[in-house]
Amino acid sequence: MKGNANRGAEIAFGSFGIKALKGGFVTARQLEAARIAVTRFMKREGQVWIRVFPDKPITKKPAEVRMGKGKGGLDHWVARIEPGRILFEIEGVDLETAKEALRLSAQKLPMIMKFVVRRDYTE
């Protein structure tokens, strides 16, 4: 994928977020693992927004199957991520809690992330 994100590159809902510095694919399982990491650390206080959706189906042929005979069956779903895309946003917690929660979620994702704060954020 070429270029940077045109849409979804600014914080729109929360006060804190994580931004992808590299592009790639994120599976639905990875997104869910990151979401659980955020909500557990925040102890279910505050609010979380997931800004991407896994809408691209990935197919795969079974192991030890000969070539041909058509396309493989659906294996999993992925979300395309461009550099600069915001993946998660949170609101309702302090800066230190937000930073640690999003750091834990970034560890669950397969690309380099950066913690970002809304421009007009005041403590």
PDB file of N, CA and C in Angstrom:
ATOM      1  N   MET A   1       0.837  -1.176   0.000  1.00  0.00           N
ATOM      2  CA  MET A   1       0.000   0.000   0.000  1.00  0.00           C
ATOM      3  C   MET A   1       0.881   1.239   0.000  1.00  0.00           C
ATOM      4  N   LYS A   2       0.580   2.141  -0.914  1.00  0.00           N
ATOM      5  CA  LYS A   2       1.382   3.343  -1.028  1.00  0.00           C
ATOM      6  C   LYS A   2       0.695   4.508  -0.349  1.00  0.00           C
ATOM      7  N   GLY A   3       1.482   5.466   0.113  1.00  0.00           N
ATOM      8  CA  GLY A   3       0.951   6.705   0.642  1.00  0.00           C
ATOM      9  C   GLY A   3       0.529   6.628   2.086  1.00  0.00           C
ATOM     10  N   ASN A   4       0.178   7.794   2.618  1.00  0.00           N
ATOM     11  CA  ASN A   4      -0.271   7.898   3.995  1.00  0.00           C
ATOM     12  C   ASN A   4      -1.792   7.962   4.051  1.00  0.00           C
ATOM     13  N   ALA A   5      -2.333   7.821   5.255  1.00  0.00           N
ATOM     14  CA  ALA A   5      -3.780   7.848   5.435  1.00  0.00           C
ATOM     15  C   ALA A   5      -4.317   9.246   5.180  1.00  0.00           C
ATOM     16  N   ASN A   6      -5.327   9.349   4.323  1.00  0.00           N
ATOM     17  CA  ASN A   6      -6.010  10.615   4.112  1.00  0.00           C
ATOM     18  C   ASN A   6      -7.139  10.771   5.117  1.00  0.00           C
ATOM     19  N   ARG A   7      -7.850   9.668   5.362  1.00  0.00           N
ATOM     20  CA  ARG A   7      -8.968   9.675   6.299  1.00  0.00           C
ATOM     21  C   ARG A   7      -8.559   8.941   7.562  1.00  0.00           C
ATOM     22  N   GLY A   8      -9.122   9.342   8.679  1.00  0.00           N
ATOM     23  CA  GLY A   8      -8.851   8.656   9.934  1.00  0.00           C
ATOM     24  C   GLY A   8      -7.477   8.930  10.500  1.00  0.00           C
ATOM     25  N   ALA A   9      -6.882  10.061  10.146  1.00  0.00           N
ATOM     26  CA  ALA A   9      -5.534  10.371  10.614  1.00  0.00           C
ATOM     27  C   ALA A   9      -5.533  11.348  11.786  1.00  0.00           C
ATOM     28  N   GLU A  10      -6.695  11.858  12.161  1.00  0.00           N
ATOM     29  CA  GLU A  10      -6.813  12.796  13.279  1.00  0.00           C
ATOM     30  C   GLU A  10      -7.707  12.186  14.352  1.00  0.00           C
ATOM     31  N   ILE A  11      -7.477  12.577  15.596  1.00  0.00           N
ATOM     32  CA  ILE A  11      -8.332  12.109  16.684  1.00  0.00           C
ATOM     33  C   ILE A  11      -9.684  12.795  16.561  1.00  0.00           C
ATOM     34  N   ALA A  12     -10.762  11.999  16.530  1.00  0.00           N
ATOM     35  CA  ALA A  12     -12.088  12.543  16.294  1.00  0.00           C
ATOM     36  C   ALA A  12     -13.024  12.395  17.487  1.00  0.00           C
ATOM     37  N   PHE A  13     -12.870  11.337  18.293  1.00  0.00           N
ATOM     38  CA  PHE A  13     -13.850  11.051  19.344  1.00  0.00           C
ATOM     39  C   PHE A  13     -13.280  11.220  20.748  1.00  0.00           C
ATOM     40  N   GLY A  14     -12.122  10.645  21.022  1.00  0.00           N
ATOM     41  CA  GLY A  14     -11.557  10.668  22.356  1.00  0.00           C
ATOM     42  C   GLY A  14     -10.508  11.748  22.530  1.00  0.00           C
ATOM     43  N   SER A  15      -9.753  11.630  23.627  1.00  0.00           N
ATOM     44  CA  SER A  15      -8.660  12.564  23.893  1.00  0.00           C
ATOM     45  C   SER A  15      -7.301  11.968  23.587  1.00  0.00           C
ATOM     46  N   PHE A  16      -7.205  10.620  23.609  1.00  0.00           N
ATOM     47  CA  PHE A  16      -5.938   9.928  23.373  1.00  0.00           C
ATOM     48  C   PHE A  16      -6.151   8.848  22.323  1.00  0.00           C
ATOM     49  N   GLY A  17      -5.078   8.497  21.627  1.00  0.00           N
ATOM     50  CA  GLY A  17      -5.196   7.448  20.625  1.00  0.00           C
ATOM     51  C   GLY A  17      -3.850   6.851  20.293  1.00  0.00           C
ATOM     52  N   ILE A  18      -3.888   5.789  19.454  1.00  0.00           N
ATOM     53  CA  ILE A  18      -2.648   5.241  18.904  1.00  0.00           C
ATOM     54  C   ILE A  18      -2.736   5.308  17.387  1.00  0.00           C
ATOM     55  N   LYS A  19      -1.623   5.716  16.801  1.00  0.00           N
ATOM     56  CA  LYS A  19      -1.520   5.937  15.364  1.00  0.00           C
ATOM     57  C   LYS A  19      -0.499   4.973  14.794  1.00  0.00           C
ATOM     58  N   ALA A  20      -0.817   4.366  13.650  1.00  0.00           N
ATOM     59  CA  ALA A  20       0.101   3.443  12.978  1.00  0.00           C
ATOM     60  C   ALA A  20       1.180   4.239  12.255  1.00  0.00           C
ATOM     61  N   LEU A  21       2.436   3.872  12.465  1.00  0.00           N
ATOM     62  CA  LEU A  21       3.534   4.525  11.757  1.00  0.00           C
ATOM     63  C   LEU A  21       3.923   3.762  10.494  1.00  0.00           C
ATOM     64  N   LYS A  22       3.541   2.486  10.404  1.00  0.00           N
ATOM     65  CA  LYS A  22       3.784   1.663   9.216  1.00  0.00           C
ATOM     66  C   LYS A  22       2.452   1.090   8.764  1.00  0.00           C
ATOM     67  N   GLY A  23       2.357   0.757   7.500  1.00  0.00           N
ATOM     68  CA  GLY A  23       1.143   0.162   6.964  1.00  0.00           C
ATOM     69  C   GLY A  23       1.166  -1.345   7.053  1.00  0.00           C
ATOM     70  N   GLY A  24       0.034  -1.952   6.766  1.00  0.00           N
ATOM     71  CA  GLY A  24      -0.066  -3.409   6.771  1.00  0.00           C
ATOM     72  C   GLY A  24      -1.490  -3.857   7.026  1.00  0.00           C
ATOM     73  N   PHE A  25      -1.625  -5.118   7.419  1.00  0.00           N
ATOM     74  CA  PHE A  25      -2.921  -5.707   7.720  1.00  0.00           C
ATOM     75  C   PHE A  25      -3.000  -6.040   9.199  1.00  0.00           C
ATOM     76  N   VAL A  26      -4.171  -5.830   9.782  1.00  0.00           N
ATOM     77  CA  VAL A  26      -4.441  -6.215  11.174  1.00  0.00           C
ATOM     78  C   VAL A  26      -5.641  -7.147  11.140  1.00  0.00           C
ATOM     79  N   THR A  27      -5.501  -8.334  11.732  1.00  0.00           N
ATOM     80  CA  THR A  27      -6.599  -9.294  11.730  1.00  0.00           C
ATOM     81  C   THR A  27      -7.635  -8.920  12.781  1.00  0.00           C
ATOM     82  N   ALA A  28      -8.817  -9.491  12.640  1.00  0.00           N
ATOM     83  CA  ALA A  28      -9.890  -9.252  13.601  1.00  0.00           C
ATOM     84  C   ALA A  28      -9.495  -9.747  14.988  1.00  0.00           C
ATOM     85  N   ARG A  29      -8.766 -10.852  15.057  1.00  0.00           N
ATOM     86  CA  ARG A  29      -8.324 -11.389  16.349  1.00  0.00           C
ATOM     87  C   ARG A  29      -7.345 -10.440  17.042  1.00  0.00           C
ATOM     88  N   GLN A  30      -6.447  -9.844  16.266  1.00  0.00           N
ATOM     89  CA  GLN A  30      -5.484  -8.908  16.845  1.00  0.00           C
ATOM     90  C   GLN A  30      -6.193  -7.658  17.369  1.00  0.00           C
ATOM     91  N   LEU A  31      -7.178  -7.158  16.622  1.00  0.00           N
ATOM     92  CA  LEU A  31      -7.943  -6.002  17.082  1.00  0.00           C
ATOM     93  C   LEU A  31      -8.688  -6.314  18.377  1.00  0.00           C
ATOM     94  N   GLU A  32      -9.282  -7.488  18.454  1.00  0.00           N
ATOM     95  CA  GLU A  32     -10.018  -7.864  19.653  1.00  0.00           C
ATOM     96  C   GLU A  32      -9.089  -8.030  20.847  1.00  0.00           C
ATOM     97  N   ALA A  33      -7.906  -8.610  20.631  1.00  0.00           N
ATOM     98  CA  ALA A  33      -6.934  -8.752  21.720  1.00  0.00           C
ATOM     99  C   ALA A  33      -6.486  -7.382  22.223  1.00  0.00           C
ATOM    100  N   ALA A  34      -6.278  -6.443  21.313  1.00  0.00           N
ATOM    101  CA  ALA A  34      -5.879  -5.087  21.706  1.00  0.00           C
ATOM    102  C   ALA A  34      -7.006  -4.387  22.464  1.00  0.00           C
ATOM    103  N   ARG A  35      -8.250  -4.576  22.017  1.00  0.00           N
ATOM    104  CA  ARG A  35      -9.391  -3.967  22.699  1.00  0.00           C
ATOM    105  C   ARG A  35      -9.521  -4.496  24.126  1.00  0.00           C
ATOM    106  N   ILE A  36      -9.364  -5.801  24.299  1.00  0.00           N
ATOM    107  CA  ILE A  36      -9.464  -6.403  25.629  1.00  0.00           C
ATOM    108  C   ILE A  36      -8.351  -5.874  26.529  1.00  0.00           C
ATOM    109  N   ALA A  37      -7.136  -5.722  25.991  1.00  0.00           N
ATOM    110  CA  ALA A  37      -6.014  -5.199  26.783  1.00  0.00           C
ATOM    111  C   ALA A  37      -6.310  -3.792  27.284  1.00  0.00           C
ATOM    112  N   VAL A  38      -6.901  -2.956  26.432  1.00  0.00           N
ATOM    113  CA  VAL A  38      -7.227  -1.581  26.827  1.00  0.00           C
ATOM    114  C   VAL A  38      -8.294  -1.574  27.913  1.00  0.00           C
ATOM    115  N   THR A  39      -9.393  -2.288  27.694  1.00  0.00           N
ATOM    116  CA  THR A  39     -10.507  -2.238  28.637  1.00  0.00           C
ATOM    117  C   THR A  39     -10.137  -2.859  29.984  1.00  0.00           C
ATOM    118  N   ARG A  40      -9.302  -3.895  29.985  1.00  0.00           N
ATOM    119  CA  ARG A  40      -8.898  -4.496  31.260  1.00  0.00           C
ATOM    120  C   ARG A  40      -8.019  -3.550  32.065  1.00  0.00           C
ATOM    121  N   PHE A  41      -7.091  -2.865  31.382  1.00  0.00           N
ATOM    122  CA  PHE A  41      -6.218  -1.959  32.123  1.00  0.00           C
ATOM    123  C   PHE A  41      -6.997  -0.759  32.649  1.00  0.00           C
ATOM    124  N   MET A  42      -7.957  -0.278  31.885  1.00  0.00           N
ATOM    125  CA  MET A  42      -8.755   0.869  32.312  1.00  0.00           C
ATOM    126  C   MET A  42      -9.812   0.475  33.334  1.00  0.00           C
ATOM    127  N   LYS A  43      -9.907  -0.819  33.634  1.00  0.00           N
ATOM    128  CA  LYS A  43     -10.890  -1.352  34.602  1.00  0.00           C
ATOM    129  C   LYS A  43     -12.308  -0.927  34.224  1.00  0.00           C
ATOM    130  N   ARG A  44     -12.583  -0.960  32.934  1.00  0.00           N
ATOM    131  CA  ARG A  44     -13.896  -0.667  32.364  1.00  0.00           C
ATOM    132  C   ARG A  44     -14.432   0.718  32.733  1.00  0.00           C
ATOM    133  N   GLU A  45     -13.537   1.665  32.965  1.00  0.00           N
ATOM    134  CA  GLU A  45     -13.964   3.054  33.121  1.00  0.00           C
ATOM    135  C   GLU A  45     -13.516   3.811  31.878  1.00  0.00           C
ATOM    136  N   GLY A  46     -14.181   4.884  31.572  1.00  0.00           N
ATOM    137  CA  GLY A  46     -13.867   5.613  30.344  1.00  0.00           C
ATOM    138  C   GLY A  46     -14.553   4.967  29.151  1.00  0.00           C
ATOM    139  N   GLN A  47     -14.169   5.386  27.964  1.00  0.00           N
ATOM    140  CA  GLN A  47     -14.791   4.912  26.736  1.00  0.00           C
ATOM    141  C   GLN A  47     -13.710   4.615  25.706  1.00  0.00           C
ATOM    142  N   VAL A  48     -13.945   3.595  24.884  1.00  0.00           N
ATOM    143  CA  VAL A  48     -12.979   3.169  23.867  1.00  0.00           C
ATOM    144  C   VAL A  48     -13.660   3.180  22.503  1.00  0.00           C
ATOM    145  N   TRP A  49     -12.976   3.717  21.506  1.00  0.00           N
ATOM    146  CA  TRP A  49     -13.448   3.675  20.126  1.00  0.00           C
ATOM    147  C   TRP A  49     -12.440   2.918  19.288  1.00  0.00           C
ATOM    148  N   ILE A  50     -12.926   1.973  18.462  1.00  0.00           N
ATOM    149  CA  ILE A  50     -12.082   1.276  17.492  1.00  0.00           C
ATOM    150  C   ILE A  50     -12.369   1.924  16.147  1.00  0.00           C
ATOM    151  N   ARG A  51     -11.356   2.533  15.536  1.00  0.00           N
ATOM    152  CA  ARG A  51     -11.560   3.331  14.333  1.00  0.00           C
ATOM    153  C   ARG A  51     -11.394   2.552  13.035  1.00  0.00           C
ATOM    154  N   VAL A  52     -11.037   1.274  13.110  1.00  0.00           N
ATOM    155  CA  VAL A  52     -10.876   0.470  11.899  1.00  0.00           C
ATOM    156  C   VAL A  52     -11.797  -0.744  11.998  1.00  0.00           C
ATOM    157  N   PHE A  53     -12.136  -1.306  10.848  1.00  0.00           N
ATOM    158  CA  PHE A  53     -12.996  -2.488  10.815  1.00  0.00           C
ATOM    159  C   PHE A  53     -12.407  -3.511   9.854  1.00  0.00           C
ATOM    160  N   PRO A  54     -12.322  -4.779  10.258  1.00  0.00           N
ATOM    161  CA  PRO A  54     -11.768  -5.812   9.373  1.00  0.00           C
ATOM    162  C   PRO A  54     -12.792  -6.221   8.312  1.00  0.00           C
ATOM    163  N   ASP A  55     -12.702  -5.616   7.129  1.00  0.00           N
ATOM    164  CA  ASP A  55     -13.694  -5.859   6.081  1.00  0.00           C
ATOM    165  C   ASP A  55     -13.121  -6.571   4.855  1.00  0.00           C
ATOM    166  N   LYS A  56     -11.860  -6.991   4.909  1.00  0.00           N
ATOM    167  CA  LYS A  56     -11.253  -7.671   3.766  1.00  0.00           C
ATOM    168  C   LYS A  56     -11.137  -9.160   4.086  1.00  0.00           C
ATOM    169  N   PRO A  57     -11.802 -10.018   3.319  1.00  0.00           N
ATOM    170  CA  PRO A  57     -11.690 -11.460   3.572  1.00  0.00           C
ATOM    171  C   PRO A  57     -10.387 -12.020   3.007  1.00  0.00           C
ATOM    172  N   ILE A  58      -9.749 -12.893   3.765  1.00  0.00           N
ATOM    173  CA  ILE A  58      -8.535 -13.573   3.323  1.00  0.00           C
ATOM    174  C   ILE A  58      -8.868 -15.058   3.185  1.00  0.00           C
ATOM    175  N   THR A  59      -8.573 -15.623   2.013  1.00  0.00           N
ATOM    176  CA  THR A  59      -8.866 -17.024   1.772  1.00  0.00           C
ATOM    177  C   THR A  59      -7.579 -17.838   1.845  1.00  0.00           C
ATOM    178  N   LYS A  60      -7.742 -19.143   2.069  1.00  0.00           N
ATOM    179  CA  LYS A  60      -6.589 -20.018   2.183  1.00  0.00           C
ATOM    180  C   LYS A  60      -7.013 -21.427   1.816  1.00  0.00           C
ATOM    181  N   LYS A  61      -6.170 -22.093   1.052  1.00  0.00           N
ATOM    182  CA  LYS A  61      -6.447 -23.493   0.731  1.00  0.00           C
ATOM    183  C   LYS A  61      -5.934 -24.377   1.854  1.00  0.00           C
ATOM    184  N   PRO A  62      -6.569 -25.494   2.101  1.00  0.00           N
ATOM    185  CA  PRO A  62      -6.120 -26.383   3.178  1.00  0.00           C
ATOM    186  C   PRO A  62      -4.715 -26.926   2.924  1.00  0.00           C
ATOM    187  N   ALA A  63      -4.083 -27.409   3.971  1.00  0.00           N
ATOM    188  CA  ALA A  63      -2.742 -27.983   3.845  1.00  0.00           C
ATOM    189  C   ALA A  63      -2.783 -29.261   3.005  1.00  0.00           C
ATOM    190  N   GLU A  64      -1.726 -29.482   2.243  1.00  0.00           N
ATOM    191  CA  GLU A  64      -1.541 -30.691   1.440  1.00  0.00           C
ATOM    192  C   GLU A  64      -2.653 -30.901   0.421  1.00  0.00           C
ATOM    193  N   VAL A  65      -3.066 -29.806  -0.239  1.00  0.00           N
ATOM    194  CA  VAL A  65      -4.064 -29.882  -1.301  1.00  0.00           C
ATOM    195  C   VAL A  65      -3.383 -29.489  -2.597  1.00  0.00           C
ATOM    196  N   ARG A  66      -3.667 -30.236  -3.668  1.00  0.00           N
ATOM    197  CA  ARG A  66      -3.041 -29.952  -4.957  1.00  0.00           C
ATOM    198  C   ARG A  66      -3.504 -28.608  -5.523  1.00  0.00           C
ATOM    199  N   MET A  67      -2.670 -28.068  -6.421  1.00  0.00           N
ATOM    200  CA  MET A  67      -2.982 -26.788  -7.047  1.00  0.00           C
ATOM    201  C   MET A  67      -4.219 -26.936  -7.941  1.00  0.00           C
ATOM    202  N   GLY A  68      -4.887 -25.817  -8.180  1.00  0.00           N
ATOM    203  CA  GLY A  68      -6.072 -25.822  -9.018  1.00  0.00           C
ATOM    204  C   GLY A  68      -7.325 -26.034  -8.183  1.00  0.00           C
ATOM    205  N   LYS A  69      -8.412 -26.363  -8.826  1.00  0.00           N
ATOM    206  CA  LYS A  69      -9.707 -26.641  -8.189  1.00  0.00           C
ATOM    207  C   LYS A  69     -10.290 -25.413  -7.487  1.00  0.00           C
ATOM    208  N   GLY A  70      -9.939 -24.238  -7.976  1.00  0.00           N
ATOM    209  CA  GLY A  70     -10.604 -23.029  -7.493  1.00  0.00           C
ATOM    210  C   GLY A  70      -9.944 -22.374  -6.289  1.00  0.00           C
ATOM    211  N   LYS A  71     -10.581 -21.298  -5.860  1.00  0.00           N
ATOM    212  CA  LYS A  71     -10.079 -20.492  -4.760  1.00  0.00           C
ATOM    213  C   LYS A  71     -10.353 -21.199  -3.435  1.00  0.00           C
ATOM    214  N   GLY A  72      -9.490 -20.956  -2.466  1.00  0.00           N
ATOM    215  CA  GLY A  72      -9.671 -21.574  -1.152  1.00  0.00           C
ATOM    216  C   GLY A  72     -10.817 -20.951  -0.371  1.00  0.00           C
ATOM    217  N   GLY A  73     -11.146 -21.573   0.725  1.00  0.00           N
ATOM    218  CA  GLY A  73     -12.228 -21.088   1.575  1.00  0.00           C
ATOM    219  C   GLY A  73     -11.787 -19.908   2.426  1.00  0.00           C
ATOM    220  N   LEU A  74     -12.762 -19.220   3.010  1.00  0.00           N
ATOM    221  CA  LEU A  74     -12.491 -18.068   3.861  1.00  0.00           C
ATOM    222  C   LEU A  74     -11.713 -18.504   5.095  1.00  0.00           C
ATOM    223  N   ASP A  75     -10.609 -17.813   5.369  1.00  0.00           N
ATOM    224  CA  ASP A  75      -9.773 -18.147   6.532  1.00  0.00           C
ATOM    225  C   ASP A  75      -9.954 -17.134   7.653  1.00  0.00           C
ATOM    226  N   HIS A  76      -9.832 -15.827   7.348  1.00  0.00           N
ATOM    227  CA  HIS A  76      -9.999 -14.802   8.361  1.00  0.00           C
ATOM    228  C   HIS A  76     -10.252 -13.452   7.693  1.00  0.00           C
ATOM    229  N   TRP A  77     -10.518 -12.436   8.513  1.00  0.00           N
ATOM    230  CA  TRP A  77     -10.790 -11.086   8.033  1.00  0.00           C
ATOM    231  C   TRP A  77      -9.683 -10.160   8.499  1.00  0.00           C
ATOM    232  N   VAL A  78      -9.316  -9.179   7.671  1.00  0.00           N
ATOM    233  CA  VAL A  78      -8.286  -8.213   8.037  1.00  0.00           C
ATOM    234  C   VAL A  78      -8.766  -6.793   7.744  1.00  0.00           C
ATOM    235  N   ALA A  79      -8.137  -5.832   8.423  1.00  0.00           N
ATOM    236  CA  ALA A  79      -8.346  -4.413   8.147  1.00  0.00           C
ATOM    237  C   ALA A  79      -7.071  -3.884   7.505  1.00  0.00           C
ATOM    238  N   ARG A  80      -7.213  -3.128   6.423  1.00  0.00           N
ATOM    239  CA  ARG A  80      -6.057  -2.495   5.792  1.00  0.00           C
ATOM    240  C   ARG A  80      -5.685  -1.257   6.602  1.00  0.00           C
ATOM    241  N   ILE A  81      -4.397  -1.108   6.910  1.00  0.00           N
ATOM    242  CA  ILE A  81      -3.937   0.027   7.699  1.00  0.00           C
ATOM    243  C   ILE A  81      -2.890   0.787   6.898  1.00  0.00           C
ATOM    244  N   GLU A  82      -3.140   2.080   6.673  1.00  0.00           N
ATOM    245  CA  GLU A  82      -2.150   2.935   6.026  1.00  0.00           C
ATOM    246  C   GLU A  82      -1.336   3.638   7.107  1.00  0.00           C
ATOM    247  N   PRO A  83      -0.117   4.044   6.813  1.00  0.00           N
ATOM    248  CA  PRO A  83       0.651   4.818   7.797  1.00  0.00           C
ATOM    249  C   PRO A  83      -0.090   6.108   8.155  1.00  0.00           C
ATOM    250  N   GLY A  84      -0.162   6.412   9.449  1.00  0.00           N
ATOM    251  CA  GLY A  84      -0.842   7.608   9.916  1.00  0.00           C
ATOM    252  C   GLY A  84      -2.266   7.378  10.358  1.00  0.00           C
ATOM    253  N   ARG A  85      -2.764   6.172  10.250  1.00  0.00           N
ATOM    254  CA  ARG A  85      -4.152   5.862  10.611  1.00  0.00           C
ATOM    255  C   ARG A  85      -4.300   5.697  12.126  1.00  0.00           C
ATOM    256  N   ILE A  86      -5.338   6.304  12.696  1.00  0.00           N
ATOM    257  CA  ILE A  86      -5.659   6.127  14.111  1.00  0.00           C
ATOM    258  C   ILE A  86      -6.438   4.823  14.258  1.00  0.00           C
ATOM    259  N   LEU A  87      -5.983   3.929  15.152  1.00  0.00           N
ATOM    260  CA  LEU A  87      -6.671   2.655  15.342  1.00  0.00           C
ATOM    261  C   LEU A  87      -7.594   2.662  16.549  1.00  0.00           C
ATOM    262  N   PHE A  88      -7.125   3.178  17.670  1.00  0.00           N
ATOM    263  CA  PHE A  88      -7.924   3.213  18.891  1.00  0.00           C
ATOM    264  C   PHE A  88      -7.931   4.625  19.455  1.00  0.00           C
ATOM    265  N   GLU A  89      -9.060   5.010  20.056  1.00  0.00           N
ATOM    266  CA  GLU A  89      -9.155   6.258  20.798  1.00  0.00           C
ATOM    267  C   GLU A  89      -9.812   5.960  22.134  1.00  0.00           C
ATOM    268  N   ILE A  90      -9.370   6.676  23.186  1.00  0.00           N
ATOM    269  CA  ILE A  90      -9.994   6.513  24.491  1.00  0.00           C
ATOM    270  C   ILE A  90     -10.249   7.870  25.122  1.00  0.00           C
ATOM    271  N   GLU A  91     -11.183   7.867  26.064  1.00  0.00           N
ATOM    272  CA  GLU A  91     -11.631   9.092  26.731  1.00  0.00           C
ATOM    273  C   GLU A  91     -12.065   8.717  28.141  1.00  0.00           C
ATOM    274  N   GLY A  92     -11.959   9.658  29.071  1.00  0.00           N
ATOM    275  CA  GLY A  92     -12.487   9.436  30.401  1.00  0.00           C
ATOM    276  C   GLY A  92     -11.490   8.902  31.411  1.00  0.00           C
ATOM    277  N   VAL A  93     -10.203   8.872  31.065  1.00  0.00           N
ATOM    278  CA  VAL A  93      -9.161   8.455  32.007  1.00  0.00           C
ATOM    279  C   VAL A  93      -8.045   9.494  31.964  1.00  0.00           C
ATOM    280  N   ASP A  94      -7.161   9.446  32.974  1.00  0.00           N
ATOM    281  CA  ASP A  94      -6.063  10.414  33.003  1.00  0.00           C
ATOM    282  C   ASP A  94      -4.969  10.025  32.007  1.00  0.00           C
ATOM    283  N   LEU A  95      -4.014  10.924  31.810  1.00  0.00           N
ATOM    284  CA  LEU A  95      -2.968  10.752  30.792  1.00  0.00           C
ATOM    285  C   LEU A  95      -2.125   9.509  31.034  1.00  0.00           C
ATOM    286  N   GLU A  96      -1.706   9.263  32.288  1.00  0.00           N
ATOM    287  CA  GLU A  96      -0.842   8.109  32.569  1.00  0.00           C
ATOM    288  C   GLU A  96      -1.569   6.794  32.315  1.00  0.00           C
ATOM    289  N   THR A  97      -2.822   6.704  32.737  1.00  0.00           N
ATOM    290  CA  THR A  97      -3.619   5.498  32.506  1.00  0.00           C
ATOM    291  C   THR A  97      -3.810   5.274  31.012  1.00  0.00           C
ATOM    292  N   ALA A  98      -4.113   6.330  30.284  1.00  0.00           N
ATOM    293  CA  ALA A  98      -4.324   6.222  28.841  1.00  0.00           C
ATOM    294  C   ALA A  98      -3.054   5.770  28.141  1.00  0.00           C
ATOM    295  N   LYS A  99      -1.923   6.336  28.535  1.00  0.00           N
ATOM    296  CA  LYS A  99      -0.650   5.994  27.895  1.00  0.00           C
ATOM    297  C   LYS A  99      -0.314   4.524  28.104  1.00  0.00           C
ATOM    298  N   GLU A 100      -0.484   4.027  29.324  1.00  0.00           N
ATOM    299  CA  GLU A 100      -0.166   2.622  29.614  1.00  0.00           C
ATOM    300  C   GLU A 100      -1.166   1.677  28.944  1.00  0.00           C
ATOM    301  N   ALA A 101      -2.454   2.018  28.950  1.00  0.00           N
ATOM    302  CA  ALA A 101      -3.467   1.169  28.317  1.00  0.00           C
ATOM    303  C   ALA A 101      -3.212   1.041  26.822  1.00  0.00           C
ATOM    304  N   LEU A 102      -2.898   2.148  26.171  1.00  0.00           N
ATOM    305  CA  LEU A 102      -2.653   2.099  24.732  1.00  0.00           C
ATOM    306  C   LEU A 102      -1.304   1.459  24.406  1.00  0.00           C
ATOM    307  N   ARG A 103      -0.332   1.553  25.319  1.00  0.00           N
ATOM    308  CA  ARG A 103       0.938   0.851  25.126  1.00  0.00           C
ATOM    309  C   ARG A 103       0.710  -0.658  25.142  1.00  0.00           C
ATOM    310  N   LEU A 104      -0.121  -1.125  26.077  1.00  0.00           N
ATOM    311  CA  LEU A 104      -0.436  -2.546  26.151  1.00  0.00           C
ATOM    312  C   LEU A 104      -1.170  -3.011  24.896  1.00  0.00           C
ATOM    313  N   SER A 105      -2.074  -2.191  24.379  1.00  0.00           N
ATOM    314  CA  SER A 105      -2.804  -2.582  23.172  1.00  0.00           C
ATOM    315  C   SER A 105      -1.886  -2.579  21.952  1.00  0.00           C
ATOM    316  N   ALA A 106      -0.926  -1.644  21.912  1.00  0.00           N
ATOM    317  CA  ALA A 106      -0.006  -1.582  20.769  1.00  0.00           C
ATOM    318  C   ALA A 106       0.878  -2.818  20.702  1.00  0.00           C
ATOM    319  N   GLN A 107       1.140  -3.441  21.857  1.00  0.00           N
ATOM    320  CA  GLN A 107       1.943  -4.662  21.862  1.00  0.00           C
ATOM    321  C   GLN A 107       1.223  -5.826  21.210  1.00  0.00           C
ATOM    322  N   LYS A 108      -0.100  -5.763  21.145  1.00  0.00           N
ATOM    323  CA  LYS A 108      -0.893  -6.837  20.541  1.00  0.00           C
ATOM    324  C   LYS A 108      -0.996  -6.690  19.028  1.00  0.00           C
ATOM    325  N   LEU A 109      -0.550  -5.570  18.493  1.00  0.00           N
ATOM    326  CA  LEU A 109      -0.716  -5.288  17.070  1.00  0.00           C
ATOM    327  C   LEU A 109       0.606  -5.468  16.325  1.00  0.00           C
ATOM    328  N   PRO A 110       0.568  -5.858  15.047  1.00  0.00           N
ATOM    329  CA  PRO A 110       1.781  -6.254  14.319  1.00  0.00           C
ATOM    330  C   PRO A 110       2.569  -5.113  13.684  1.00  0.00           C
ATOM    331  N   MET A 111       2.336  -3.876  14.094  1.00  0.00           N
ATOM    332  CA  MET A 111       3.054  -2.767  13.488  1.00  0.00           C
ATOM    333  C   MET A 111       3.460  -1.764  14.554  1.00  0.00           C
ATOM    334  N   ILE A 112       4.297  -0.820  14.178  1.00  0.00           N
ATOM    335  CA  ILE A 112       4.785   0.185  15.118  1.00  0.00           C
ATOM    336  C   ILE A 112       3.701   1.235  15.310  1.00  0.00           C
ATOM    337  N   MET A 113       3.404   1.529  16.573  1.00  0.00           N
ATOM    338  CA  MET A 113       2.365   2.499  16.914  1.00  0.00           C
ATOM    339  C   MET A 113       2.964   3.683  17.666  1.00  0.00           C
ATOM    340  N   LYS A 114       2.229   4.791  17.666  1.00  0.00           N
ATOM    341  CA  LYS A 114       2.650   5.999  18.364  1.00  0.00           C
ATOM    342  C   LYS A 114       1.466   6.521  19.171  1.00  0.00           C
ATOM    343  N   PHE A 115       1.732   6.898  20.425  1.00  0.00           N
ATOM    344  CA  PHE A 115       0.697   7.473  21.286  1.00  0.00           C
ATOM    345  C   PHE A 115       0.472   8.922  20.880  1.00  0.00           C
ATOM    346  N   VAL A 116      -0.783   9.316  20.665  1.00  0.00           N
ATOM    347  CA  VAL A 116      -1.088  10.687  20.276  1.00  0.00           C
ATOM    348  C   VAL A 116      -2.158  11.255  21.205  1.00  0.00           C
ATOM    349  N   VAL A 117      -2.109  12.576  21.388  1.00  0.00           N
ATOM    350  CA  VAL A 117      -3.047  13.296  22.257  1.00  0.00           C
ATOM    351  C   VAL A 117      -3.777  14.330  21.400  1.00  0.00           C
ATOM    352  N   ARG A 118      -5.046  14.545  21.700  1.00  0.00           N
ATOM    353  CA  ARG A 118      -5.823  15.549  20.976  1.00  0.00           C
ATOM    354  C   ARG A 118      -5.157  16.928  21.113  1.00  0.00           C
ATOM    355  N   ARG A 119      -5.204  17.731  20.064  1.00  0.00           N
ATOM    356  CA  ARG A 119      -4.517  19.026  20.055  1.00  0.00           C
ATOM    357  C   ARG A 119      -5.020  19.967  21.143  1.00  0.00           C
ATOM    358  N   ASP A 120      -6.330  19.962  21.386  1.00  0.00           N
ATOM    359  CA  ASP A 120      -6.896  20.895  22.358  1.00  0.00           C
ATOM    360  C   ASP A 120      -7.078  20.264  23.740  1.00  0.00           C
ATOM    361  N   TYR A 121      -6.335  19.197  24.038  1.00  0.00           N
ATOM    362  CA  TYR A 121      -6.458  18.509  25.325  1.00  0.00           C
ATOM    363  C   TYR A 121      -5.828  19.343  26.436  1.00  0.00           C
ATOM    364  N   THR A 122      -6.584  19.511  27.538  1.00  0.00           N
ATOM    365  CA  THR A 122      -6.055  20.159  28.739  1.00  0.00           C
ATOM    366  C   THR A 122      -6.402  19.290  29.935  1.00  0.00           C
ATOM    367  N   GLU A 123      -5.497  19.192  30.896  1.00  0.00           N
ATOM    368  CA  GLU A 123      -5.715  18.302  32.036  1.00  0.00           C
ATOM    369  C   GLU A 123      -6.691  18.843  33.029  1.00  0.00           C
TER     370      GLU A 123
END
